[in-house]
C-alpha atoms as a PDB file:
ATOM      1  CA  MET A   1      92.589  84.282 109.671  1.00  0.00           C
ATOM      2  CA  ARG A   2      90.967  83.341 113.059  1.00  0.00           C
ATOM      3  CA  SER A   3      87.161  82.304 111.795  1.00  0.00           C
ATOM      4  CA  SER A   4      86.480  78.900 111.063  1.00  0.00           C
ATOM      5  CA  ARG A   5      84.888  80.065 108.240  1.00  0.00           C
ATOM      6  CA  GLU A   6      88.151  81.073 106.351  1.00  0.00           C
ATOM      7  CA  ILE A   7      89.942  78.754 107.536  1.00  0.00           C
ATOM      8  CA  ARG A   8      87.680  76.566 105.831  1.00  0.00           C
ATOM      9  CA  GLU A   9      87.516  77.894 102.523  1.00  0.00           C
ATOM     10  CA  VAL A  10      91.626  78.414 101.915  1.00  0.00           C
ATOM     11  CA  VAL A  11      91.409  74.440 102.750  1.00  0.00           C
ATOM     12  CA  SER A  12      88.961  73.313 100.699  1.00  0.00           C
ATOM     13  CA  ALA A  13      89.153  75.696  97.833  1.00  0.00           C
ATOM     14  CA  GLY A  14      93.355  76.486  98.009  1.00  0.00           C
ATOM     15  CA  LYS A  15      95.870  74.284  96.652  1.00  0.00           C
ATOM     16  CA  ARG A  16      98.149  72.779  98.495  1.00  0.00           C
ATOM     17  CA  VAL A  17     101.870  71.674  99.041  1.00  0.00           C
ATOM     18  CA  GLY A  18     103.216  69.619 102.000  1.00  0.00           C
ATOM     19  CA  ASN A  19     106.799  68.302 103.198  1.00  0.00           C
ATOM     20  CA  SER A  20     107.687  66.344 106.215  1.00  0.00           C
ATOM     21  CA  SER A  21     106.513  68.773 109.008  1.00  0.00           C
ATOM     22  CA  ALA A  22     103.498  70.679 107.457  1.00  0.00           C
ATOM     23  CA  THR A  23     100.425  70.320 104.547  1.00  0.00           C
ATOM     24  CA  LEU A  24     100.434  74.356 103.291  1.00  0.00           C
ATOM     25  CA  HIS A  25      96.748  75.343 102.458  1.00  0.00           C
ATOM     26  CA  PHE A  26      96.816  78.449 100.413  1.00  0.00           C
ATOM     27  CA  LEU A  27      94.987  81.044  97.924  1.00  0.00           C
ATOM     28  CA  PRO A  28      96.490  84.199  96.843  1.00  0.00           C
ATOM     29  CA  SER A  29      95.582  87.318  98.406  1.00  0.00           C
ATOM     30  CA  GLU A  30      95.877  90.671  99.018  1.00  0.00           C
ATOM     31  CA  THR A  31      97.709  90.991 102.366  1.00  0.00           C
ATOM     32  CA  ASN A  32      99.515  87.519 104.528  1.00  0.00           C
ATOM     33  CA  GLN A  33      97.297  85.874 106.435  1.00  0.00           C
ATOM     34  CA  PHE A  34      97.791  82.615 108.131  1.00  0.00           C
ATOM     35  CA  ALA A  35      96.328  80.030 110.480  1.00  0.00           C
ATOM     36  CA  ILE A  36      98.444  77.189 112.066  1.00  0.00           C
ATOM     37  CA  ILE A  37      96.432  73.942 112.844  1.00  0.00           C
ATOM     38  CA  VAL A  38      97.431  71.353 115.066  1.00  0.00           C
ATOM     39  CA  SER A  39      95.757  68.499 115.977  1.00  0.00           C
ATOM     40  CA  LYS A  40      96.187  66.410 119.390  1.00  0.00           C
ATOM     41  CA  ALA A  41      97.874  63.770 116.994  1.00  0.00           C
ATOM     42  CA  VAL A  42     100.967  65.989 117.254  1.00  0.00           C
ATOM     43  CA  GLY A  43     101.327  65.767 120.967  1.00  0.00           C
ATOM     44  CA  SER A  44     100.477  66.666 124.264  1.00  0.00           C
ATOM     45  CA  ALA A  45      98.965  70.381 124.696  1.00  0.00           C
ATOM     46  CA  VAL A  46     102.774  71.531 125.894  1.00  0.00           C
ATOM     47  CA  GLU A  47     103.941  70.046 122.794  1.00  0.00           C
ATOM     48  CA  ARG A  48     101.028  71.747 120.391  1.00  0.00           C
ATOM     49  CA  ASN A  49     101.720  74.860 121.930  1.00  0.00           C
ATOM     50  CA  LEU A  50     105.364  75.126 121.659  1.00  0.00           C
ATOM     51  CA  VAL A  51     105.206  73.981 117.986  1.00  0.00           C
ATOM     52  CA  LYS A  52     102.639  76.434 117.638  1.00  0.00           C
ATOM     53  CA  ARG A  53     104.898  79.424 119.096  1.00  0.00           C
ATOM     54  CA  ARG A  54     107.602  78.072 116.774  1.00  0.00           C
ATOM     55  CA  ILE A  55     105.627  78.613 113.308  1.00  0.00           C
ATOM     56  CA  ARG A  56     104.166  81.871 114.363  1.00  0.00           C
ATOM     57  CA  SER A  57     108.053  83.107 115.389  1.00  0.00           C
ATOM     58  CA  ILE A  58     108.844  81.589 111.605  1.00  0.00           C
ATOM     59  CA  LEU A  59     105.803  82.890 109.751  1.00  0.00           C
ATOM     60  CA  ALA A  60     106.301  86.265 111.068  1.00  0.00           C
ATOM     61  CA  SER A  61     109.781  86.710 110.371  1.00  0.00           C
ATOM     62  CA  LEU A  62     109.214  85.532 106.361  1.00  0.00           C
ATOM     63  CA  GLU A  63     105.740  87.825 106.155  1.00  0.00           C
ATOM     64  CA  ALA A  64     108.148  90.843 105.353  1.00  0.00           C
ATOM     65  CA  GLY A  65     108.557  88.591 101.945  1.00  0.00           C
ATOM     66  CA  PRO A  66     107.259  89.812  97.826  1.00  0.00           C
ATOM     67  CA  PHE A  67     104.409  87.023  98.016  1.00  0.00           C
ATOM     68  CA  LYS A  68     100.791  87.626  99.437  1.00  0.00           C
ATOM     69  CA  ILE A  69      99.012  84.793 100.428  1.00  0.00           C
ATOM     70  CA  LYS A  70      96.140  83.109 102.779  1.00  0.00           C
ATOM     71  CA  ALA A  71      97.085  80.318 104.213  1.00  0.00           C
ATOM     72  CA  ALA A  72      96.644  77.532 106.593  1.00  0.00           C
ATOM     73  CA  VAL A  73      99.239  75.890 107.972  1.00  0.00           C
ATOM     74  CA  ARG A  74      98.452  72.132 109.010  1.00  0.00           C
ATOM     75  CA  VAL A  75     100.886  70.839 111.750  1.00  0.00           C
ATOM     76  CA  LYS A  76     101.415  67.044 111.085  1.00  0.00           C
ATOM     77  CA  PRO A  77     102.741  64.621 114.103  1.00  0.00           C
ATOM     78  CA  GLY A  78     106.258  64.762 113.211  1.00  0.00           C
ATOM     79  CA  ALA A  79     106.827  68.090 113.483  1.00  0.00           C
ATOM     80  CA  ALA A  80     106.663  68.186 117.359  1.00  0.00           C
ATOM     81  CA  ALA A  81     109.801  66.211 117.290  1.00  0.00           C
ATOM     82  CA  ALA A  82     111.781  68.511 114.511  1.00  0.00           C
ATOM     83  CA  SER A  83     114.558  70.407 115.545  1.00  0.00           C
ATOM     84  CA  TYR A  84     113.191  74.553 115.584  1.00  0.00           C
ATOM     85  CA  GLN A  85     115.627  75.157 112.562  1.00  0.00           C
ATOM     86  CA  THR A  86     114.294  71.804 110.693  1.00  0.00           C
ATOM     87  CA  LEU A  87     110.997  73.106 111.272  1.00  0.00           C
ATOM     88  CA  ALA A  88     112.123  76.877 109.814  1.00  0.00           C
ATOM     89  CA  ALA A  89     113.687  75.026 106.814  1.00  0.00           C
ATOM     90  CA  ASP A  90     110.599  73.414 105.973  1.00  0.00           C
ATOM     91  CA  ILE A  91     108.182  76.162 106.489  1.00  0.00           C
ATOM     92  CA  THR A  92     110.548  78.064 104.603  1.00  0.00           C
ATOM     93  CA  ASP A  93     110.605  75.626 101.775  1.00  0.00           C
ATOM     94  CA  LEU A  94     106.297  75.455 101.634  1.00  0.00           C
ATOM     95  CA  ILE A  95     106.258  79.028 101.076  1.00  0.00           C
ATOM     96  CA  GLU A  96     108.420  79.514  98.553  1.00  0.00           C
ATOM     97  CA  ARG A  97     107.069  76.035  96.572  1.00  0.00           C
ATOM     98  CA  ALA A  98     103.484  78.418  96.837  1.00  0.00           C
ATOM     99  CA  VAL A  99     104.691  81.197  95.419  1.00  0.00           C
END
């Protein structure tokens, strides 16, 4: 998802699940579509971009799954300190709980 209108629609009208690393807002869809929301509370630009790259990589590996959702991943400040493995486990947990 790229337009702010689509992201607002998912955040306001969708269901949500959360954990210590992120909150996942989601709606059922015909294809998988994701947006990653990282606020300045997460850290410096370098830290925010690192978290975005990691989450993008995790979502790419999960995209071939049987689920079809339109989702916005809202990253929490604790995610910047999390390792890749912890972040992958948390994001996978959110997707499984959503589906």
